[in-house]
Amino acid sequence: MPTKQQVARIGVDDATWRSFRQAALDRELSVSGYLGRLVHAELRRRGATTAGQAPAGASEAELALAALVDTRAAIDDLDDIAGRLARSATAHGGSWRDVASSLRLTEHVARETYTSRQARP
């Protein structure tokens, strides 16, 4: 445990805070311990990104471009997940019309996009 305590005000409504406290209790953690875990997880997540690894003196333009790289990677990951779910849905009896509707695509675009490719390398 760190020797110096950090204090922060949390900007959420009462119901959200109660739910968060309950989530901490469900994990048998103190609220401060749970918040500490979240802070560490966020820093690990940010450090693994292009934007998180930008040099300290990076310009706003460089940071924005790095964030775009991270965003594109996240979009690609989500698209791969959507493709796997679309193929799974149709393999289990779902229609391409339903898949397309769920993705806000036309049936033709959904079928073309997600039947012709598997997960990207």
PDB file of N, CA and C in Angstrom:
ATOM      1  N   MET A   1       0.833  -1.184   0.000  1.00  0.00           N
ATOM      2  CA  MET A   1       0.000   0.000   0.000  1.00  0.00           C
ATOM      3  C   MET A   1       0.874   1.242   0.000  1.00  0.00           C
ATOM      4  N   PRO A   2       0.526   2.232  -0.802  1.00  0.00           N
ATOM      5  CA  PRO A   2       1.311   3.467  -0.788  1.00  0.00           C
ATOM      6  C   PRO A   2       1.225   4.145   0.574  1.00  0.00           C
ATOM      7  N   THR A   3       2.270   4.829   0.931  1.00  0.00           N
ATOM      8  CA  THR A   3       2.274   5.510   2.225  1.00  0.00           C
ATOM      9  C   THR A   3       1.552   6.839   2.162  1.00  0.00           C
ATOM     10  N   LYS A   4       1.510   7.465   1.006  1.00  0.00           N
ATOM     11  CA  LYS A   4       0.837   8.754   0.863  1.00  0.00           C
ATOM     12  C   LYS A   4      -0.552   8.516   0.264  1.00  0.00           C
ATOM     13  N   GLN A   5      -1.572   8.977   0.945  1.00  0.00           N
ATOM     14  CA  GLN A   5      -2.940   8.790   0.483  1.00  0.00           C
ATOM     15  C   GLN A   5      -3.331   9.885  -0.505  1.00  0.00           C
ATOM     16  N   GLN A   6      -3.987   9.509  -1.576  1.00  0.00           N
ATOM     17  CA  GLN A   6      -4.505  10.459  -2.553  1.00  0.00           C
ATOM     18  C   GLN A   6      -6.001  10.592  -2.328  1.00  0.00           C
ATOM     19  N   VAL A   7      -6.502  11.780  -2.475  1.00  0.00           N
ATOM     20  CA  VAL A   7      -7.929  12.033  -2.267  1.00  0.00           C
ATOM     21  C   VAL A   7      -8.505  12.587  -3.560  1.00  0.00           C
ATOM     22  N   ALA A   8      -9.676  12.088  -3.950  1.00  0.00           N
ATOM     23  CA  ALA A   8     -10.331  12.582  -5.158  1.00  0.00           C
ATOM     24  C   ALA A   8     -11.832  12.654  -4.914  1.00  0.00           C
ATOM     25  N   ARG A   9     -12.453  13.643  -5.517  1.00  0.00           N
ATOM     26  CA  ARG A   9     -13.908  13.730  -5.496  1.00  0.00           C
ATOM     27  C   ARG A   9     -14.392  13.035  -6.753  1.00  0.00           C
ATOM     28  N   ILE A  10     -15.437  12.265  -6.624  1.00  0.00           N
ATOM     29  CA  ILE A  10     -15.954  11.485  -7.738  1.00  0.00           C
ATOM     30  C   ILE A  10     -17.234  12.141  -8.242  1.00  0.00           C
ATOM     31  N   GLY A  11     -17.268  12.498  -9.514  1.00  0.00           N
ATOM     32  CA  GLY A  11     -18.402  13.227 -10.084  1.00  0.00           C
ATOM     33  C   GLY A  11     -19.461  12.313 -10.673  1.00  0.00           C
ATOM     34  N   VAL A  12     -20.167  11.578  -9.798  1.00  0.00           N
ATOM     35  CA  VAL A  12     -21.278  10.732 -10.241  1.00  0.00           C
ATOM     36  C   VAL A  12     -22.471  10.959  -9.319  1.00  0.00           C
ATOM     37  N   ASP A  13     -23.645  10.575  -9.802  1.00  0.00           N
ATOM     38  CA  ASP A  13     -24.841  10.733  -8.969  1.00  0.00           C
ATOM     39  C   ASP A  13     -24.857   9.685  -7.852  1.00  0.00           C
ATOM     40  N   ASP A  14     -25.733   9.874  -6.886  1.00  0.00           N
ATOM     41  CA  ASP A  14     -25.779   9.001  -5.708  1.00  0.00           C
ATOM     42  C   ASP A  14     -26.054   7.534  -6.062  1.00  0.00           C
ATOM     43  N   ALA A  15     -26.966   7.307  -6.982  1.00  0.00           N
ATOM     44  CA  ALA A  15     -27.312   5.925  -7.349  1.00  0.00           C
ATOM     45  C   ALA A  15     -26.111   5.218  -7.978  1.00  0.00           C
ATOM     46  N   THR A  16     -25.387   5.926  -8.822  1.00  0.00           N
ATOM     47  CA  THR A  16     -24.198   5.346  -9.455  1.00  0.00           C
ATOM     48  C   THR A  16     -23.143   5.033  -8.407  1.00  0.00           C
ATOM     49  N   TRP A  17     -22.938   5.953  -7.467  1.00  0.00           N
ATOM     50  CA  TRP A  17     -21.949   5.729  -6.415  1.00  0.00           C
ATOM     51  C   TRP A  17     -22.327   4.544  -5.548  1.00  0.00           C
ATOM     52  N   ARG A  18     -23.617   4.411  -5.212  1.00  0.00           N
ATOM     53  CA  ARG A  18     -24.064   3.251  -4.419  1.00  0.00           C
ATOM     54  C   ARG A  18     -23.792   1.951  -5.178  1.00  0.00           C
ATOM     55  N   SER A  19     -24.072   1.943  -6.476  1.00  0.00           N
ATOM     56  CA  SER A  19     -23.816   0.750  -7.291  1.00  0.00           C
ATOM     57  C   SER A  19     -22.332   0.415  -7.319  1.00  0.00           C
ATOM     58  N   PHE A  20     -21.497   1.450  -7.432  1.00  0.00           N
ATOM     59  CA  PHE A  20     -20.061   1.230  -7.444  1.00  0.00           C
ATOM     60  C   PHE A  20     -19.586   0.672  -6.106  1.00  0.00           C
ATOM     61  N   ARG A  21     -20.072   1.242  -5.014  1.00  0.00           N
ATOM     62  CA  ARG A  21     -19.704   0.737  -3.684  1.00  0.00           C
ATOM     63  C   ARG A  21     -20.107  -0.722  -3.537  1.00  0.00           C
ATOM     64  N   GLN A  22     -21.294  -1.062  -4.046  1.00  0.00           N
ATOM     65  CA  GLN A  22     -21.747  -2.444  -3.963  1.00  0.00           C
ATOM     66  C   GLN A  22     -20.847  -3.356  -4.800  1.00  0.00           C
ATOM     67  N   ALA A  23     -20.417  -2.873  -5.968  1.00  0.00           N
ATOM     68  CA  ALA A  23     -19.510  -3.666  -6.803  1.00  0.00           C
ATOM     69  C   ALA A  23     -18.204  -3.933  -6.066  1.00  0.00           C
ATOM     70  N   ALA A  24     -17.708  -2.944  -5.346  1.00  0.00           N
ATOM     71  CA  ALA A  24     -16.489  -3.131  -4.548  1.00  0.00           C
ATOM     72  C   ALA A  24     -16.728  -4.173  -3.459  1.00  0.00           C
ATOM     73  N   LEU A  25     -17.853  -4.050  -2.751  1.00  0.00           N
ATOM     74  CA  LEU A  25     -18.178  -5.015  -1.699  1.00  0.00           C
ATOM     75  C   LEU A  25     -18.308  -6.424  -2.256  1.00  0.00           C
ATOM     76  N   ASP A  26     -18.929  -6.547  -3.422  1.00  0.00           N
ATOM     77  CA  ASP A  26     -19.087  -7.865  -4.055  1.00  0.00           C
ATOM     78  C   ASP A  26     -17.740  -8.511  -4.349  1.00  0.00           C
ATOM     79  N   ARG A  27     -16.733  -7.683  -4.568  1.00  0.00           N
ATOM     80  CA  ARG A  27     -15.380  -8.182  -4.843  1.00  0.00           C
ATOM     81  C   ARG A  27     -14.537  -8.258  -3.568  1.00  0.00           C
ATOM     82  N   GLU A  28     -15.182  -7.993  -2.436  1.00  0.00           N
ATOM     83  CA  GLU A  28     -14.516  -7.995  -1.136  1.00  0.00           C
ATOM     84  C   GLU A  28     -13.341  -7.026  -1.106  1.00  0.00           C
ATOM     85  N   LEU A  29     -13.568  -5.830  -1.679  1.00  0.00           N
ATOM     86  CA  LEU A  29     -12.564  -4.773  -1.702  1.00  0.00           C
ATOM     87  C   LEU A  29     -13.136  -3.527  -1.054  1.00  0.00           C
ATOM     88  N   SER A  30     -12.241  -2.711  -0.522  1.00  0.00           N
ATOM     89  CA  SER A  30     -12.674  -1.394  -0.079  1.00  0.00           C
ATOM     90  C   SER A  30     -12.904  -0.551  -1.333  1.00  0.00           C
ATOM     91  N   VAL A  31     -13.673   0.508  -1.197  1.00  0.00           N
ATOM     92  CA  VAL A  31     -13.892   1.398  -2.339  1.00  0.00           C
ATOM     93  C   VAL A  31     -12.555   1.973  -2.799  1.00  0.00           C
ATOM     94  N   SER A  32     -11.717   2.370  -1.861  1.00  0.00           N
ATOM     95  CA  SER A  32     -10.424   2.938  -2.255  1.00  0.00           C
ATOM     96  C   SER A  32      -9.544   1.890  -2.946  1.00  0.00           C
ATOM     97  N   GLY A  33      -9.584   0.657  -2.469  1.00  0.00           N
ATOM     98  CA  GLY A  33      -8.824  -0.406  -3.114  1.00  0.00           C
ATOM     99  C   GLY A  33      -9.321  -0.684  -4.525  1.00  0.00           C
ATOM    100  N   TYR A  34     -10.640  -0.667  -4.679  1.00  0.00           N
ATOM    101  CA  TYR A  34     -11.232  -0.898  -5.996  1.00  0.00           C
ATOM    102  C   TYR A  34     -10.879   0.249  -6.938  1.00  0.00           C
ATOM    103  N   LEU A  35     -10.971   1.486  -6.464  1.00  0.00           N
ATOM    104  CA  LEU A  35     -10.580   2.638  -7.284  1.00  0.00           C
ATOM    105  C   LEU A  35      -9.101   2.544  -7.666  1.00  0.00           C
ATOM    106  N   GLY A  36      -8.275   2.109  -6.740  1.00  0.00           N
ATOM    107  CA  GLY A  36      -6.855   1.948  -7.030  1.00  0.00           C
ATOM    108  C   GLY A  36      -6.618   0.945  -8.141  1.00  0.00           C
ATOM    109  N   ARG A  37      -7.343  -0.169  -8.105  1.00  0.00           N
ATOM    110  CA  ARG A  37      -7.231  -1.164  -9.176  1.00  0.00           C
ATOM    111  C   ARG A  37      -7.639  -0.572 -10.513  1.00  0.00           C
ATOM    112  N   LEU A  38      -8.721   0.210 -10.517  1.00  0.00           N
ATOM    113  CA  LEU A  38      -9.178   0.830 -11.759  1.00  0.00           C
ATOM    114  C   LEU A  38      -8.146   1.808 -12.308  1.00  0.00           C
ATOM    115  N   VAL A  39      -7.522   2.576 -11.417  1.00  0.00           N
ATOM    116  CA  VAL A  39      -6.489   3.528 -11.840  1.00  0.00           C
ATOM    117  C   VAL A  39      -5.317   2.775 -12.469  1.00  0.00           C
ATOM    118  N   HIS A  40      -4.855   1.713 -11.822  1.00  0.00           N
ATOM    119  CA  HIS A  40      -3.740   0.935 -12.368  1.00  0.00           C
ATOM    120  C   HIS A  40      -4.114   0.307 -13.706  1.00  0.00           C
ATOM    121  N   ALA A  41      -5.320  -0.233 -13.817  1.00  0.00           N
ATOM    122  CA  ALA A  41      -5.761  -0.847 -15.077  1.00  0.00           C
ATOM    123  C   ALA A  41      -5.810   0.186 -16.198  1.00  0.00           C
ATOM    124  N   GLU A  42      -6.296   1.383 -15.894  1.00  0.00           N
ATOM    125  CA  GLU A  42      -6.361   2.441 -16.904  1.00  0.00           C
ATOM    126  C   GLU A  42      -4.965   2.853 -17.352  1.00  0.00           C
ATOM    127  N   LEU A  43      -4.039   2.963 -16.425  1.00  0.00           N
ATOM    128  CA  LEU A  43      -2.677   3.333 -16.791  1.00  0.00           C
ATOM    129  C   LEU A  43      -2.009   2.248 -17.628  1.00  0.00           C
ATOM    130  N   ARG A  44      -2.256   0.979 -17.309  1.00  0.00           N
ATOM    131  CA  ARG A  44      -1.730  -0.116 -18.137  1.00  0.00           C
ATOM    132  C   ARG A  44      -2.331  -0.045 -19.530  1.00  0.00           C
ATOM    133  N   ARG A  45      -3.644   0.181 -19.602  1.00  0.00           N
ATOM    134  CA  ARG A  45      -4.328   0.255 -20.893  1.00  0.00           C
ATOM    135  C   ARG A  45      -3.779   1.414 -21.711  1.00  0.00           C
ATOM    136  N   ARG A  46      -3.640   2.573 -21.103  1.00  0.00           N
ATOM    137  CA  ARG A  46      -3.133   3.753 -21.814  1.00  0.00           C
ATOM    138  C   ARG A  46      -1.687   3.566 -22.253  1.00  0.00           C
ATOM    139  N   GLY A  47      -0.890   2.911 -21.413  1.00  0.00           N
ATOM    140  CA  GLY A  47       0.510   2.693 -21.766  1.00  0.00           C
ATOM    141  C   GLY A  47       0.677   1.787 -22.960  1.00  0.00           C
ATOM    142  N   ALA A  48      -0.304   0.941 -23.217  1.00  0.00           N
ATOM    143  CA  ALA A  48      -0.239   0.010 -24.336  1.00  0.00           C
ATOM    144  C   ALA A  48      -0.709   0.644 -25.639  1.00  0.00           C
ATOM    145  N   THR A  49      -1.115   1.898 -25.613  1.00  0.00           N
ATOM    146  CA  THR A  49      -1.605   2.562 -26.810  1.00  0.00           C
ATOM    147  C   THR A  49      -0.524   3.418 -27.442  1.00  0.00           C
ATOM    148  N   THR A  50      -0.718   3.715 -28.707  1.00  0.00           N
ATOM    149  CA  THR A  50       0.204   4.605 -29.403  1.00  0.00           C
ATOM    150  C   THR A  50       0.205   5.972 -28.733  1.00  0.00           C
ATOM    151  N   ALA A  51      -0.978   6.485 -28.412  1.00  0.00           N
ATOM    152  CA  ALA A  51      -1.067   7.795 -27.763  1.00  0.00           C
ATOM    153  C   ALA A  51      -0.415   7.768 -26.385  1.00  0.00           C
ATOM    154  N   GLY A  52      -0.577   6.673 -25.667  1.00  0.00           N
ATOM    155  CA  GLY A  52       0.004   6.566 -24.338  1.00  0.00           C
ATOM    156  C   GLY A  52       1.519   6.482 -24.359  1.00  0.00           C
ATOM    157  N   GLN A  53       2.089   6.082 -25.486  1.00  0.00           N
ATOM    158  CA  GLN A  53       3.537   5.958 -25.606  1.00  0.00           C
ATOM    159  C   GLN A  53       4.170   7.159 -26.298  1.00  0.00           C
ATOM    160  N   ALA A  54       3.380   8.174 -26.586  1.00  0.00           N
ATOM    161  CA  ALA A  54       3.913   9.375 -27.245  1.00  0.00           C
ATOM    162  C   ALA A  54       4.936  10.042 -26.336  1.00  0.00           C
ATOM    163  N   PRO A  55       5.964  10.613 -26.934  1.00  0.00           N
ATOM    164  CA  PRO A  55       6.974  11.285 -26.117  1.00  0.00           C
ATOM    165  C   PRO A  55       6.374  12.454 -25.340  1.00  0.00           C
ATOM    166  N   ALA A  56       7.002  12.790 -24.233  1.00  0.00           N
ATOM    167  CA  ALA A  56       6.484  13.848 -23.358  1.00  0.00           C
ATOM    168  C   ALA A  56       6.306  15.170 -24.082  1.00  0.00           C
ATOM    169  N   GLY A  57       7.160  15.495 -25.017  1.00  0.00           N
ATOM    170  CA  GLY A  57       7.072  16.775 -25.706  1.00  0.00           C
ATOM    171  C   GLY A  57       6.277  16.729 -26.996  1.00  0.00           C
ATOM    172  N   ALA A  58       5.478  15.697 -27.188  1.00  0.00           N
ATOM    173  CA  ALA A  58       4.738  15.552 -28.444  1.00  0.00           C
ATOM    174  C   ALA A  58       3.772  16.724 -28.627  1.00  0.00           C
ATOM    175  N   SER A  59       3.629  17.147 -29.874  1.00  0.00           N
ATOM    176  CA  SER A  59       2.716  18.252 -30.176  1.00  0.00           C
ATOM    177  C   SER A  59       1.275  17.757 -30.145  1.00  0.00           C
ATOM    178  N   GLU A  60       0.357  18.684 -30.113  1.00  0.00           N
ATOM    179  CA  GLU A  60      -1.074  18.334 -30.146  1.00  0.00           C
ATOM    180  C   GLU A  60      -1.392  17.537 -31.408  1.00  0.00           C
ATOM    181  N   ALA A  61      -0.794  17.918 -32.530  1.00  0.00           N
ATOM    182  CA  ALA A  61      -1.033  17.201 -33.788  1.00  0.00           C
ATOM    183  C   ALA A  61      -0.526  15.765 -33.693  1.00  0.00           C
ATOM    184  N   GLU A  62       0.665  15.569 -33.121  1.00  0.00           N
ATOM    185  CA  GLU A  62       1.217  14.220 -32.963  1.00  0.00           C
ATOM    186  C   GLU A  62       0.346  13.372 -32.040  1.00  0.00           C
ATOM    187  N   LEU A  63      -0.132  13.964 -30.957  1.00  0.00           N
ATOM    188  CA  LEU A  63      -1.018  13.240 -30.036  1.00  0.00           C
ATOM    189  C   LEU A  63      -2.330  12.874 -30.722  1.00  0.00           C
ATOM    190  N   ALA A  64      -2.872  13.804 -31.500  1.00  0.00           N
ATOM    191  CA  ALA A  64      -4.130  13.537 -32.207  1.00  0.00           C
ATOM    192  C   ALA A  64      -3.947  12.421 -33.228  1.00  0.00           C
ATOM    193  N   LEU A  65      -2.833  12.443 -33.958  1.00  0.00           N
ATOM    194  CA  LEU A  65      -2.570  11.383 -34.938  1.00  0.00           C
ATOM    195  C   LEU A  65      -2.365  10.032 -34.255  1.00  0.00           C
ATOM    196  N   ALA A  66      -1.670  10.021 -33.131  1.00  0.00           N
ATOM    197  CA  ALA A  66      -1.482   8.772 -32.379  1.00  0.00           C
ATOM    198  C   ALA A  66      -2.827   8.247 -31.885  1.00  0.00           C
ATOM    199  N   ALA A  67      -3.685   9.147 -31.420  1.00  0.00           N
ATOM    200  CA  ALA A  67      -5.017   8.729 -30.972  1.00  0.00           C
ATOM    201  C   ALA A  67      -5.835   8.171 -32.131  1.00  0.00           C
ATOM    202  N   LEU A  68      -5.658   8.733 -33.318  1.00  0.00           N
ATOM    203  CA  LEU A  68      -6.346   8.191 -34.497  1.00  0.00           C
ATOM    204  C   LEU A  68      -5.882   6.774 -34.824  1.00  0.00           C
ATOM    205  N   VAL A  69      -4.587   6.532 -34.678  1.00  0.00           N
ATOM    206  CA  VAL A  69      -4.060   5.181 -34.891  1.00  0.00           C
ATOM    207  C   VAL A  69      -4.720   4.209 -33.912  1.00  0.00           C
ATOM    208  N   ASP A  70      -4.806   4.613 -32.643  1.00  0.00           N
ATOM    209  CA  ASP A  70      -5.449   3.774 -31.624  1.00  0.00           C
ATOM    210  C   ASP A  70      -6.918   3.552 -31.939  1.00  0.00           C
ATOM    211  N   THR A  71      -7.587   4.596 -32.395  1.00  0.00           N
ATOM    212  CA  THR A  71      -9.016   4.491 -32.716  1.00  0.00           C
ATOM    213  C   THR A  71      -9.225   3.534 -33.879  1.00  0.00           C
ATOM    214  N   ARG A  72      -8.399   3.637 -34.910  1.00  0.00           N
ATOM    215  CA  ARG A  72      -8.522   2.738 -36.062  1.00  0.00           C
ATOM    216  C   ARG A  72      -8.319   1.293 -35.615  1.00  0.00           C
ATOM    217  N   ALA A  73      -7.349   1.057 -34.752  1.00  0.00           N
ATOM    218  CA  ALA A  73      -7.105  -0.303 -34.257  1.00  0.00           C
ATOM    219  C   ALA A  73      -8.311  -0.818 -33.476  1.00  0.00           C
ATOM    220  N   ALA A  74      -8.918   0.038 -32.666  1.00  0.00           N
ATOM    221  CA  ALA A  74     -10.111  -0.368 -31.908  1.00  0.00           C
ATOM    222  C   ALA A  74     -11.270  -0.664 -32.848  1.00  0.00           C
ATOM    223  N   ILE A  75     -11.440   0.151 -33.881  1.00  0.00           N
ATOM    224  CA  ILE A  75     -12.511  -0.084 -34.863  1.00  0.00           C
ATOM    225  C   ILE A  75     -12.283  -1.427 -35.550  1.00  0.00           C
ATOM    226  N   ASP A  76     -11.047  -1.705 -35.939  1.00  0.00           N
ATOM    227  CA  ASP A  76     -10.748  -2.984 -36.596  1.00  0.00           C
ATOM    228  C   ASP A  76     -11.044  -4.162 -35.671  1.00  0.00           C
ATOM    229  N   ASP A  77     -10.669  -4.032 -34.388  1.00  0.00           N
ATOM    230  CA  ASP A  77     -10.958  -5.099 -33.426  1.00  0.00           C
ATOM    231  C   ASP A  77     -12.463  -5.317 -33.295  1.00  0.00           C
ATOM    232  N   LEU A  78     -13.218  -4.233 -33.180  1.00  0.00           N
ATOM    233  CA  LEU A  78     -14.669  -4.352 -33.054  1.00  0.00           C
ATOM    234  C   LEU A  78     -15.299  -4.928 -34.317  1.00  0.00           C
ATOM    235  N   ASP A  79     -14.765  -4.563 -35.469  1.00  0.00           N
ATOM    236  CA  ASP A  79     -15.278  -5.096 -36.722  1.00  0.00           C
ATOM    237  C   ASP A  79     -15.028  -6.603 -36.806  1.00  0.00           C
ATOM    238  N   ASP A  80     -13.863  -7.044 -36.339  1.00  0.00           N
ATOM    239  CA  ASP A  80     -13.586  -8.483 -36.297  1.00  0.00           C
ATOM    240  C   ASP A  80     -14.572  -9.202 -35.378  1.00  0.00           C
ATOM    241  N   ILE A  81     -14.863  -8.606 -34.241  1.00  0.00           N
ATOM    242  CA  ILE A  81     -15.836  -9.199 -33.313  1.00  0.00           C
ATOM    243  C   ILE A  81     -17.212  -9.249 -33.967  1.00  0.00           C
ATOM    244  N   ALA A  82     -17.615  -8.153 -34.612  1.00  0.00           N
ATOM    245  CA  ALA A  82     -18.916  -8.118 -35.284  1.00  0.00           C
ATOM    246  C   ALA A  82     -18.995  -9.209 -36.352  1.00  0.00           C
ATOM    247  N   GLY A  83     -17.917  -9.403 -37.080  1.00  0.00           N
ATOM    248  CA  GLY A  83     -17.906 -10.443 -38.107  1.00  0.00           C
ATOM    249  C   GLY A  83     -18.075 -11.833 -37.521  1.00  0.00           C
ATOM    250  N   ARG A  84     -17.349 -12.108 -36.435  1.00  0.00           N
ATOM    251  CA  ARG A  84     -17.481 -13.424 -35.795  1.00  0.00           C
ATOM    252  C   ARG A  84     -18.896 -13.630 -35.268  1.00  0.00           C
ATOM    253  N   LEU A  85     -19.458 -12.591 -34.670  1.00  0.00           N
ATOM    254  CA  LEU A  85     -20.828 -12.707 -34.149  1.00  0.00           C
ATOM    255  C   LEU A  85     -21.843 -12.860 -35.269  1.00  0.00           C
ATOM    256  N   ALA A  86     -21.640 -12.150 -36.368  1.00  0.00           N
ATOM    257  CA  ALA A  86     -22.556 -12.264 -37.514  1.00  0.00           C
ATOM    258  C   ALA A  86     -22.522 -13.679 -38.079  1.00  0.00           C
ATOM    259  N   ARG A  87     -21.321 -14.212 -38.259  1.00  0.00           N
ATOM    260  CA  ARG A  87     -21.205 -15.578 -38.778  1.00  0.00           C
ATOM    261  C   ARG A  87     -21.786 -16.588 -37.800  1.00  0.00           C
ATOM    262  N   SER A  88     -21.581 -16.366 -36.511  1.00  0.00           N
ATOM    263  CA  SER A  88     -22.148 -17.262 -35.505  1.00  0.00           C
ATOM    264  C   SER A  88     -23.676 -17.204 -35.520  1.00  0.00           C
ATOM    265  N   ALA A  89     -24.201 -15.991 -35.605  1.00  0.00           N
ATOM    266  CA  ALA A  89     -25.670 -15.838 -35.627  1.00  0.00           C
ATOM    267  C   ALA A  89     -26.280 -16.575 -36.806  1.00  0.00           C
ATOM    268  N   THR A  90     -25.678 -16.421 -37.985  1.00  0.00           N
ATOM    269  CA  THR A  90     -26.248 -17.086 -39.163  1.00  0.00           C
ATOM    270  C   THR A  90     -26.009 -18.592 -39.114  1.00  0.00           C
ATOM    271  N   ALA A  91     -24.889 -19.014 -38.540  1.00  0.00           N
ATOM    272  CA  ALA A  91     -24.626 -20.454 -38.415  1.00  0.00           C
ATOM    273  C   ALA A  91     -25.629 -21.127 -37.479  1.00  0.00           C
ATOM    274  N   HIS A  92     -26.199 -20.340 -36.563  1.00  0.00           N
ATOM    275  CA  HIS A  92     -27.158 -20.880 -35.608  1.00  0.00           C
ATOM    276  C   HIS A  92     -28.597 -20.538 -35.971  1.00  0.00           C
ATOM    277  N   GLY A  93     -28.823 -20.202 -37.233  1.00  0.00           N
ATOM    278  CA  GLY A  93     -30.198 -20.022 -37.700  1.00  0.00           C
ATOM    279  C   GLY A  93     -30.669 -18.592 -37.861  1.00  0.00           C
ATOM    280  N   GLY A  94     -29.849 -17.616 -37.500  1.00  0.00           N
ATOM    281  CA  GLY A  94     -30.236 -16.220 -37.698  1.00  0.00           C
ATOM    282  C   GLY A  94     -30.178 -15.858 -39.179  1.00  0.00           C
ATOM    283  N   SER A  95     -30.919 -14.856 -39.545  1.00  0.00           N
ATOM    284  CA  SER A  95     -30.913 -14.440 -40.948  1.00  0.00           C
ATOM    285  C   SER A  95     -29.950 -13.275 -41.150  1.00  0.00           C
ATOM    286  N   TRP A  96     -29.474 -13.136 -42.384  1.00  0.00           N
ATOM    287  CA  TRP A  96     -28.623 -11.997 -42.703  1.00  0.00           C
ATOM    288  C   TRP A  96     -29.405 -10.697 -42.599  1.00  0.00           C
ATOM    289  N   ARG A  97     -30.687 -10.755 -42.804  1.00  0.00           N
ATOM    290  CA  ARG A  97     -31.522  -9.555 -42.642  1.00  0.00           C
ATOM    291  C   ARG A  97     -31.468  -9.076 -41.193  1.00  0.00           C
ATOM    292  N   ASP A  98     -31.580 -10.021 -40.245  1.00  0.00           N
ATOM    293  CA  ASP A  98     -31.509  -9.650 -38.824  1.00  0.00           C
ATOM    294  C   ASP A  98     -30.119  -9.142 -38.449  1.00  0.00           C
ATOM    295  N   VAL A  99     -29.092  -9.816 -38.978  1.00  0.00           N
ATOM    296  CA  VAL A  99     -27.721  -9.369 -38.726  1.00  0.00           C
ATOM    297  C   VAL A  99     -27.546  -7.946 -39.247  1.00  0.00           C
ATOM    298  N   ALA A 100     -27.975  -7.716 -40.477  1.00  0.00           N
ATOM    299  CA  ALA A 100     -27.840  -6.395 -41.096  1.00  0.00           C
ATOM    300  C   ALA A 100     -28.577  -5.336 -40.289  1.00  0.00           C
ATOM    301  N   SER A 101     -29.766  -5.658 -39.852  1.00  0.00           N
ATOM    302  CA  SER A 101     -30.551  -4.711 -39.061  1.00  0.00           C
ATOM    303  C   SER A 101     -29.830  -4.363 -37.760  1.00  0.00           C
ATOM    304  N   SER A 102     -29.251  -5.364 -37.130  1.00  0.00           N
ATOM    305  CA  SER A 102     -28.526  -5.135 -35.876  1.00  0.00           C
ATOM    306  C   SER A 102     -27.312  -4.240 -36.073  1.00  0.00           C
ATOM    307  N   LEU A 103     -26.707  -4.328 -37.250  1.00  0.00           N
ATOM    308  CA  LEU A 103     -25.502  -3.549 -37.543  1.00  0.00           C
ATOM    309  C   LEU A 103     -25.806  -2.255 -38.291  1.00  0.00           C
ATOM    310  N   ARG A 104     -27.098  -2.010 -38.542  1.00  0.00           N
ATOM    311  CA  ARG A 104     -27.533  -0.832 -39.318  1.00  0.00           C
ATOM    312  C   ARG A 104     -26.898  -0.807 -40.699  1.00  0.00           C
ATOM    313  N   LEU A 105     -26.885  -1.971 -41.330  1.00  0.00           N
ATOM    314  CA  LEU A 105     -26.381  -2.132 -42.689  1.00  0.00           C
ATOM    315  C   LEU A 105     -27.482  -2.698 -43.559  1.00  0.00           C
ATOM    316  N   THR A 106     -27.269  -2.651 -44.862  1.00  0.00           N
ATOM    317  CA  THR A 106     -28.191  -3.378 -45.728  1.00  0.00           C
ATOM    318  C   THR A 106     -27.818  -4.852 -45.656  1.00  0.00           C
ATOM    319  N   GLU A 107     -28.760  -5.703 -46.001  1.00  0.00           N
ATOM    320  CA  GLU A 107     -28.494  -7.135 -45.959  1.00  0.00           C
ATOM    321  C   GLU A 107     -27.330  -7.487 -46.886  1.00  0.00           C
ATOM    322  N   HIS A 108     -27.321  -6.881 -48.072  1.00  0.00           N
ATOM    323  CA  HIS A 108     -26.257  -7.153 -49.040  1.00  0.00           C
ATOM    324  C   HIS A 108     -24.879  -6.781 -48.476  1.00  0.00           C
ATOM    325  N   VAL A 109     -24.769  -5.605 -47.872  1.00  0.00           N
ATOM    326  CA  VAL A 109     -23.485  -5.151 -47.325  1.00  0.00           C
ATOM    327  C   VAL A 109     -23.039  -6.050 -46.171  1.00  0.00           C
ATOM    328  N   ALA A 110     -23.958  -6.402 -45.297  1.00  0.00           N
ATOM    329  CA  ALA A 110     -23.605  -7.277 -44.174  1.00  0.00           C
ATOM    330  C   ALA A 110     -23.093  -8.620 -44.672  1.00  0.00           C
ATOM    331  N   ARG A 111     -23.805  -9.203 -45.605  1.00  0.00           N
ATOM    332  CA  ARG A 111     -23.403 -10.517 -46.138  1.00  0.00           C
ATOM    333  C   ARG A 111     -22.048 -10.412 -46.838  1.00  0.00           C
ATOM    334  N   GLU A 112     -21.871  -9.402 -47.678  1.00  0.00           N
ATOM    335  CA  GLU A 112     -20.604  -9.205 -48.393  1.00  0.00           C
ATOM    336  C   GLU A 112     -19.442  -8.978 -47.432  1.00  0.00           C
ATOM    337  N   THR A 113     -19.682  -8.178 -46.418  1.00  0.00           N
ATOM    338  CA  THR A 113     -18.619  -7.807 -45.490  1.00  0.00           C
ATOM    339  C   THR A 113     -18.201  -8.968 -44.606  1.00  0.00           C
ATOM    340  N   TYR A 114     -19.169  -9.726 -44.123  1.00  0.00           N
ATOM    341  CA  TYR A 114     -18.861 -10.696 -43.076  1.00  0.00           C
ATOM    342  C   TYR A 114     -18.864 -12.160 -43.503  1.00  0.00           C
ATOM    343  N   THR A 115     -19.257 -12.489 -44.740  1.00  0.00           N
ATOM    344  CA  THR A 115     -19.139 -13.882 -45.156  1.00  0.00           C
ATOM    345  C   THR A 115     -17.846 -14.148 -45.894  1.00  0.00           C
ATOM    346  N   SER A 116     -17.289 -13.136 -46.512  1.00  0.00           N
ATOM    347  CA  SER A 116     -16.130 -13.349 -47.374  1.00  0.00           C
ATOM    348  C   SER A 116     -14.796 -13.282 -46.650  1.00  0.00           C
ATOM    349  N   ARG A 117     -14.813 -12.957 -45.380  1.00  0.00           N
ATOM    350  CA  ARG A 117     -13.535 -12.879 -44.679  1.00  0.00           C
ATOM    351  C   ARG A 117     -13.651 -13.443 -43.280  1.00  0.00           C
ATOM    352  N   GLN A 118     -12.568 -13.970 -42.839  1.00  0.00           N
ATOM    353  CA  GLN A 118     -12.458 -14.425 -41.461  1.00  0.00           C
ATOM    354  C   GLN A 118     -11.695 -13.354 -40.700  1.00  0.00           C
ATOM    355  N   ALA A 119     -11.329 -13.642 -39.482  1.00  0.00           N
ATOM    356  CA  ALA A 119     -10.585 -12.652 -38.686  1.00  0.00           C
ATOM    357  C   ALA A 119      -9.319 -12.248 -39.423  1.00  0.00           C
ATOM    358  N   ARG A 120      -9.004 -10.980 -39.353  1.00  0.00           N
ATOM    359  CA  ARG A 120      -7.819 -10.447 -40.051  1.00  0.00           C
ATOM    360  C   ARG A 120      -6.544 -10.908 -39.375  1.00  0.00           C
ATOM    361  N   PRO A 121      -5.495 -11.044 -40.170  1.00  0.00           N
ATOM    362  CA  PRO A 121      -4.196 -11.413 -39.564  1.00  0.00           C
ATOM    363  C   PRO A 121      -3.632 -10.292 -38.743  1.00  0.00           C
TER     364      PRO A 121
END
